[in-house]
Amino acid sequence: MQTHPDSHATDAPLRLRVNGDEHVVAVPPQTALLHVLRNDLMLNGPKYGCGLGECGACTVLIDGVAARSCVIPVRAVQQREVTTLEGLGTRTCPGPTQQAFIECQAAQCGYCLNGMIMTVEALLRRNPQPTDAALRSELHHNLCRCGTHVEILQAAHRAVTLHAKTHADERAP
């Protein structure tokens, strides 16, 4: 019987920066980032969907770029900034993209929302005024099985407006 090479080894601690906080986890370095986020750090924004990086439910930001955490080994995010849904805002003070999805009631079952919100957030960080075509293109690879696409697109447009207002307020004296 063969065992996995890391199955009995003592896992060297890995240092992660998630949502602005430093974390040390002792897991095999090839462990999927999604599993560390959910199981070790108790961050349940990212969801397990397909496990293949296809559906987008597990999307997080790595250095501000949308990435599928179910296929990224935790070793790959050392020395990088990981942001989850929880890092965008709080229940009492949601971030602009989160607020847009709340206002537009862009959820049915809610399973895809993490990926949709994180994908829109990443787009707005690099392009604060995307066109409708850019929003549609960006969301194209995020799956919603409930068919809430109309509301999701409305929320994405609302997020553009809320982000612009937030940044204008930050620049005001």
C-alpha atoms as a PDB file:
ATOM      1  CA  MET A   1       0.000   0.000   0.000  1.00  0.00           C
ATOM      2  CA  GLN A   2       1.376   3.396  -0.959  1.00  0.00           C
ATOM      3  CA  THR A   3       0.726   6.488   1.076  1.00  0.00           C
ATOM      4  CA  HIS A   4       0.798  10.066  -0.006  1.00  0.00           C
ATOM      5  CA  PRO A   5       4.313  11.479   0.543  1.00  0.00           C
ATOM      6  CA  ASP A   6       3.000  14.119   2.932  1.00  0.00           C
ATOM      7  CA  SER A   7       0.455  11.960   4.729  1.00  0.00           C
ATOM      8  CA  HIS A   8       2.672  11.220   7.745  1.00  0.00           C
ATOM      9  CA  ALA A   9       5.113  14.102   7.537  1.00  0.00           C
ATOM     10  CA  THR A  10       5.003  16.966   9.949  1.00  0.00           C
ATOM     11  CA  ASP A  11       3.731  19.871   7.946  1.00  0.00           C
ATOM     12  CA  ALA A  12       5.968  22.904   8.037  1.00  0.00           C
ATOM     13  CA  PRO A  13       4.051  26.017   9.009  1.00  0.00           C
ATOM     14  CA  LEU A  14       2.973  28.190   6.092  1.00  0.00           C
ATOM     15  CA  ARG A  15       2.506  31.922   6.534  1.00  0.00           C
ATOM     16  CA  LEU A  16      -0.511  33.454   4.830  1.00  0.00           C
ATOM     17  CA  ARG A  17      -1.865  36.967   4.650  1.00  0.00           C
ATOM     18  CA  VAL A  18      -5.648  36.816   4.386  1.00  0.00           C
ATOM     19  CA  ASN A  19      -7.942  39.833   4.620  1.00  0.00           C
ATOM     20  CA  GLY A  20      -5.092  41.893   6.010  1.00  0.00           C
ATOM     21  CA  ASP A  21      -4.277  39.465   8.827  1.00  0.00           C
ATOM     22  CA  GLU A  22      -1.297  37.150   9.162  1.00  0.00           C
ATOM     23  CA  HIS A  23      -2.029  33.449   9.673  1.00  0.00           C
ATOM     24  CA  VAL A  24       0.195  30.438  10.219  1.00  0.00           C
ATOM     25  CA  VAL A  25      -1.198  27.076   9.168  1.00  0.00           C
ATOM     26  CA  ALA A  26       0.357  23.636   9.305  1.00  0.00           C
ATOM     27  CA  VAL A  27      -1.004  21.809   6.271  1.00  0.00           C
ATOM     28  CA  PRO A  28       0.574  19.994   3.338  1.00  0.00           C
ATOM     29  CA  PRO A  29       1.739  22.690   0.904  1.00  0.00           C
ATOM     30  CA  GLN A  30      -0.336  21.235  -1.941  1.00  0.00           C
ATOM     31  CA  THR A  31      -3.582  21.606   0.025  1.00  0.00           C
ATOM     32  CA  ALA A  32      -6.116  23.638  -1.929  1.00  0.00           C
ATOM     33  CA  LEU A  33      -6.329  27.215  -0.702  1.00  0.00           C
ATOM     34  CA  LEU A  34     -10.117  26.828  -0.518  1.00  0.00           C
ATOM     35  CA  HIS A  35      -9.799  24.078   2.092  1.00  0.00           C
ATOM     36  CA  VAL A  36      -7.444  26.143   4.235  1.00  0.00           C
ATOM     37  CA  LEU A  37      -9.717  29.185   4.032  1.00  0.00           C
ATOM     38  CA  ARG A  38     -12.841  27.254   4.979  1.00  0.00           C
ATOM     39  CA  ASN A  39     -11.496  24.575   7.318  1.00  0.00           C
ATOM     40  CA  ASP A  40      -8.573  26.258   9.046  1.00  0.00           C
ATOM     41  CA  LEU A  41      -9.453  29.951   8.925  1.00  0.00           C
ATOM     42  CA  MET A  42     -13.252  29.503   9.106  1.00  0.00           C
ATOM     43  CA  LEU A  43     -13.853  31.857   6.179  1.00  0.00           C
ATOM     44  CA  ASN A  44     -16.958  30.540   4.476  1.00  0.00           C
ATOM     45  CA  GLY A  45     -17.435  33.141   1.729  1.00  0.00           C
ATOM     46  CA  PRO A  46     -15.650  31.007  -0.868  1.00  0.00           C
ATOM     47  CA  LYS A  47     -17.723  27.909  -1.647  1.00  0.00           C
ATOM     48  CA  TYR A  48     -16.794  24.476  -2.924  1.00  0.00           C
ATOM     49  CA  GLY A  49     -18.584  24.128  -6.232  1.00  0.00           C
ATOM     50  CA  CYS A  50     -16.953  21.958  -8.861  1.00  0.00           C
ATOM     51  CA  GLY A  51     -13.448  21.494  -7.452  1.00  0.00           C
ATOM     52  CA  LEU A  52     -12.061  22.063 -10.948  1.00  0.00           C
ATOM     53  CA  GLY A  53     -11.858  25.865 -11.099  1.00  0.00           C
ATOM     54  CA  GLU A  54     -14.739  25.987 -13.580  1.00  0.00           C
ATOM     55  CA  CYS A  55     -17.785  27.360 -11.743  1.00  0.00           C
ATOM     56  CA  GLY A  56     -16.316  30.304  -9.815  1.00  0.00           C
ATOM     57  CA  ALA A  57     -17.992  29.658  -6.452  1.00  0.00           C
ATOM     58  CA  CYS A  58     -14.573  29.526  -4.765  1.00  0.00           C
ATOM     59  CA  THR A  59     -13.259  32.811  -6.197  1.00  0.00           C
ATOM     60  CA  VAL A  60     -10.964  34.924  -4.029  1.00  0.00           C
ATOM     61  CA  LEU A  61      -8.661  37.805  -4.847  1.00  0.00           C
ATOM     62  CA  ILE A  62      -4.930  37.141  -4.866  1.00  0.00           C
ATOM     63  CA  ASP A  63      -3.075  40.435  -4.980  1.00  0.00           C
ATOM     64  CA  GLY A  64      -6.329  41.942  -6.270  1.00  0.00           C
ATOM     65  CA  VAL A  65      -6.809  39.451  -9.113  1.00  0.00           C
ATOM     66  CA  ALA A  66      -9.734  37.006  -9.175  1.00  0.00           C
ATOM     67  CA  ALA A  67      -8.541  33.425  -8.737  1.00  0.00           C
ATOM     68  CA  ARG A  68     -10.208  30.042  -8.228  1.00  0.00           C
ATOM     69  CA  SER A  69      -9.112  28.887  -4.774  1.00  0.00           C
ATOM     70  CA  CYS A  70     -10.141  25.254  -5.263  1.00  0.00           C
ATOM     71  CA  VAL A  71      -7.257  24.659  -7.687  1.00  0.00           C
ATOM     72  CA  ILE A  72      -4.555  26.835  -6.117  1.00  0.00           C
ATOM     73  CA  PRO A  73      -2.189  25.121  -3.688  1.00  0.00           C
ATOM     74  CA  VAL A  74      -1.755  27.034  -0.455  1.00  0.00           C
ATOM     75  CA  ARG A  75       2.022  27.188  -1.008  1.00  0.00           C
ATOM     76  CA  ALA A  76       1.386  29.433  -4.035  1.00  0.00           C
ATOM     77  CA  VAL A  77      -0.099  32.239  -1.932  1.00  0.00           C
ATOM     78  CA  GLN A  78       2.676  32.669   0.594  1.00  0.00           C
ATOM     79  CA  GLN A  79       3.993  36.262   0.408  1.00  0.00           C
ATOM     80  CA  ARG A  80       0.789  37.332  -1.348  1.00  0.00           C
ATOM     81  CA  GLU A  81      -2.402  39.060  -0.201  1.00  0.00           C
ATOM     82  CA  VAL A  82      -5.529  36.900  -0.272  1.00  0.00           C
ATOM     83  CA  THR A  83      -8.902  38.604   0.033  1.00  0.00           C
ATOM     84  CA  THR A  84     -12.104  36.676   0.609  1.00  0.00           C
ATOM     85  CA  LEU A  85     -15.690  37.882   0.633  1.00  0.00           C
ATOM     86  CA  GLU A  86     -15.291  38.544   4.359  1.00  0.00           C
ATOM     87  CA  GLY A  87     -12.431  40.931   3.597  1.00  0.00           C
ATOM     88  CA  LEU A  88     -14.607  43.256   1.489  1.00  0.00           C
ATOM     89  CA  GLY A  89     -16.823  44.424   4.337  1.00  0.00           C
ATOM     90  CA  THR A  90     -18.899  43.353   7.313  1.00  0.00           C
ATOM     91  CA  ARG A  91     -22.559  42.546   7.885  1.00  0.00           C
ATOM     92  CA  THR A  92     -23.116  46.030   9.292  1.00  0.00           C
ATOM     93  CA  CYS A  93     -20.871  47.809   6.805  1.00  0.00           C
ATOM     94  CA  PRO A  94     -20.709  45.862   3.537  1.00  0.00           C
ATOM     95  CA  GLY A  95     -18.271  46.911   0.842  1.00  0.00           C
ATOM     96  CA  PRO A  96     -19.659  48.686  -2.245  1.00  0.00           C
ATOM     97  CA  THR A  97     -19.838  45.533  -4.365  1.00  0.00           C
ATOM     98  CA  GLN A  98     -21.514  43.609  -1.570  1.00  0.00           C
ATOM     99  CA  GLN A  99     -23.947  46.488  -1.022  1.00  0.00           C
ATOM    100  CA  ALA A 100     -24.831  46.525  -4.729  1.00  0.00           C
ATOM    101  CA  PHE A 101     -25.732  42.832  -4.653  1.00  0.00           C
ATOM    102  CA  ILE A 102     -27.856  43.384  -1.539  1.00  0.00           C
ATOM    103  CA  GLU A 103     -29.689  46.372  -3.040  1.00  0.00           C
ATOM    104  CA  CYS A 104     -30.388  44.549  -6.299  1.00  0.00           C
ATOM    105  CA  GLN A 105     -31.434  41.359  -4.491  1.00  0.00           C
ATOM    106  CA  ALA A 106     -29.088  39.470  -6.791  1.00  0.00           C
ATOM    107  CA  ALA A 107     -29.453  36.116  -5.120  1.00  0.00           C
ATOM    108  CA  GLN A 108     -31.706  33.168  -5.322  1.00  0.00           C
ATOM    109  CA  CYS A 109     -29.945  30.245  -3.666  1.00  0.00           C
ATOM    110  CA  GLY A 110     -26.859  32.420  -3.107  1.00  0.00           C
ATOM    111  CA  TYR A 111     -24.301  29.724  -3.843  1.00  0.00           C
ATOM    112  CA  CYS A 112     -22.712  31.539  -6.788  1.00  0.00           C
ATOM    113  CA  LEU A 113     -22.720  34.969  -5.143  1.00  0.00           C
ATOM    114  CA  ASN A 114     -19.242  34.735  -3.658  1.00  0.00           C
ATOM    115  CA  GLY A 115     -17.781  34.206  -7.111  1.00  0.00           C
ATOM    116  CA  MET A 116     -19.929  36.853  -8.738  1.00  0.00           C
ATOM    117  CA  ILE A 117     -19.102  39.485  -6.113  1.00  0.00           C
ATOM    118  CA  MET A 118     -15.381  38.702  -6.066  1.00  0.00           C
ATOM    119  CA  THR A 119     -15.199  38.727  -9.872  1.00  0.00           C
ATOM    120  CA  VAL A 120     -16.924  42.116 -10.088  1.00  0.00           C
ATOM    121  CA  GLU A 121     -14.703  43.459  -7.303  1.00  0.00           C
ATOM    122  CA  ALA A 122     -11.543  42.366  -9.141  1.00  0.00           C
ATOM    123  CA  LEU A 123     -12.757  43.979 -12.362  1.00  0.00           C
ATOM    124  CA  LEU A 124     -13.577  47.266 -10.633  1.00  0.00           C
ATOM    125  CA  ARG A 125     -10.151  47.370  -8.992  1.00  0.00           C
ATOM    126  CA  ARG A 126      -8.447  47.318 -12.371  1.00  0.00           C
ATOM    127  CA  ASN A 127     -11.159  49.094 -14.409  1.00  0.00           C
ATOM    128  CA  PRO A 128     -13.381  51.402 -12.347  1.00  0.00           C
ATOM    129  CA  GLN A 129     -15.663  52.233 -15.303  1.00  0.00           C
ATOM    130  CA  PRO A 130     -16.215  48.985 -17.229  1.00  0.00           C
ATOM    131  CA  THR A 131     -18.657  48.836 -20.097  1.00  0.00           C
ATOM    132  CA  ASP A 132     -21.642  46.519 -20.072  1.00  0.00           C
ATOM    133  CA  ALA A 133     -19.726  44.265 -22.457  1.00  0.00           C
ATOM    134  CA  ALA A 134     -16.752  44.167 -20.057  1.00  0.00           C
ATOM    135  CA  LEU A 135     -19.010  43.251 -17.127  1.00  0.00           C
ATOM    136  CA  ARG A 136     -20.698  40.500 -19.134  1.00  0.00           C
ATOM    137  CA  SER A 137     -17.367  39.175 -20.367  1.00  0.00           C
ATOM    138  CA  GLU A 138     -15.901  39.129 -16.863  1.00  0.00           C
ATOM    139  CA  LEU A 139     -18.887  37.255 -15.421  1.00  0.00           C
ATOM    140  CA  HIS A 140     -19.123  34.867 -18.361  1.00  0.00           C
ATOM    141  CA  HIS A 141     -17.227  32.069 -16.609  1.00  0.00           C
ATOM    142  CA  ASN A 142     -19.110  32.261 -13.320  1.00  0.00           C
ATOM    143  CA  LEU A 143     -21.991  29.802 -13.223  1.00  0.00           C
ATOM    144  CA  CYS A 144     -25.393  30.533 -11.692  1.00  0.00           C
ATOM    145  CA  ARG A 145     -27.614  27.508 -11.765  1.00  0.00           C
ATOM    146  CA  CYS A 146     -30.689  29.425 -10.560  1.00  0.00           C
ATOM    147  CA  GLY A 147     -30.768  31.815 -13.500  1.00  0.00           C
ATOM    148  CA  THR A 148     -30.377  35.054 -11.530  1.00  0.00           C
ATOM    149  CA  HIS A 149     -28.249  36.523 -14.297  1.00  0.00           C
ATOM    150  CA  VAL A 150     -30.434  39.620 -14.862  1.00  0.00           C
ATOM    151  CA  GLU A 151     -30.209  40.652 -11.201  1.00  0.00           C
ATOM    152  CA  ILE A 152     -26.509  39.814 -11.064  1.00  0.00           C
ATOM    153  CA  LEU A 153     -25.818  42.068 -14.036  1.00  0.00           C
ATOM    154  CA  GLN A 154     -27.927  44.840 -12.460  1.00  0.00           C
ATOM    155  CA  ALA A 155     -25.900  44.452  -9.268  1.00  0.00           C
ATOM    156  CA  ALA A 156     -22.647  44.626 -11.239  1.00  0.00           C
ATOM    157  CA  HIS A 157     -23.763  47.925 -12.783  1.00  0.00           C
ATOM    158  CA  ARG A 158     -24.839  49.208  -9.369  1.00  0.00           C
ATOM    159  CA  ALA A 159     -21.423  48.226  -7.969  1.00  0.00           C
ATOM    160  CA  VAL A 160     -19.764  50.473 -10.578  1.00  0.00           C
ATOM    161  CA  THR A 161     -21.828  53.403  -9.295  1.00  0.00           C
ATOM    162  CA  LEU A 162     -21.226  52.622  -5.601  1.00  0.00           C
ATOM    163  CA  HIS A 163     -17.481  52.172  -6.130  1.00  0.00           C
ATOM    164  CA  ALA A 164     -17.288  55.518  -7.929  1.00  0.00           C
ATOM    165  CA  LYS A 165     -19.202  57.204  -5.094  1.00  0.00           C
ATOM    166  CA  THR A 166     -17.032  55.558  -2.430  1.00  0.00           C
ATOM    167  CA  HIS A 167     -13.825  56.648  -4.140  1.00  0.00           C
ATOM    168  CA  ALA A 168     -15.169  60.168  -4.657  1.00  0.00           C
ATOM    169  CA  ASP A 169     -16.054  60.351  -0.946  1.00  0.00           C
ATOM    170  CA  GLU A 170     -12.538  59.147  -0.039  1.00  0.00           C
ATOM    171  CA  ARG A 171     -10.981  61.926  -2.128  1.00  0.00           C
ATOM    172  CA  ALA A 172     -13.230  64.651  -0.691  1.00  0.00           C
ATOM    173  CA  PRO A 173     -11.565  66.863   1.967  1.00  0.00           C
END
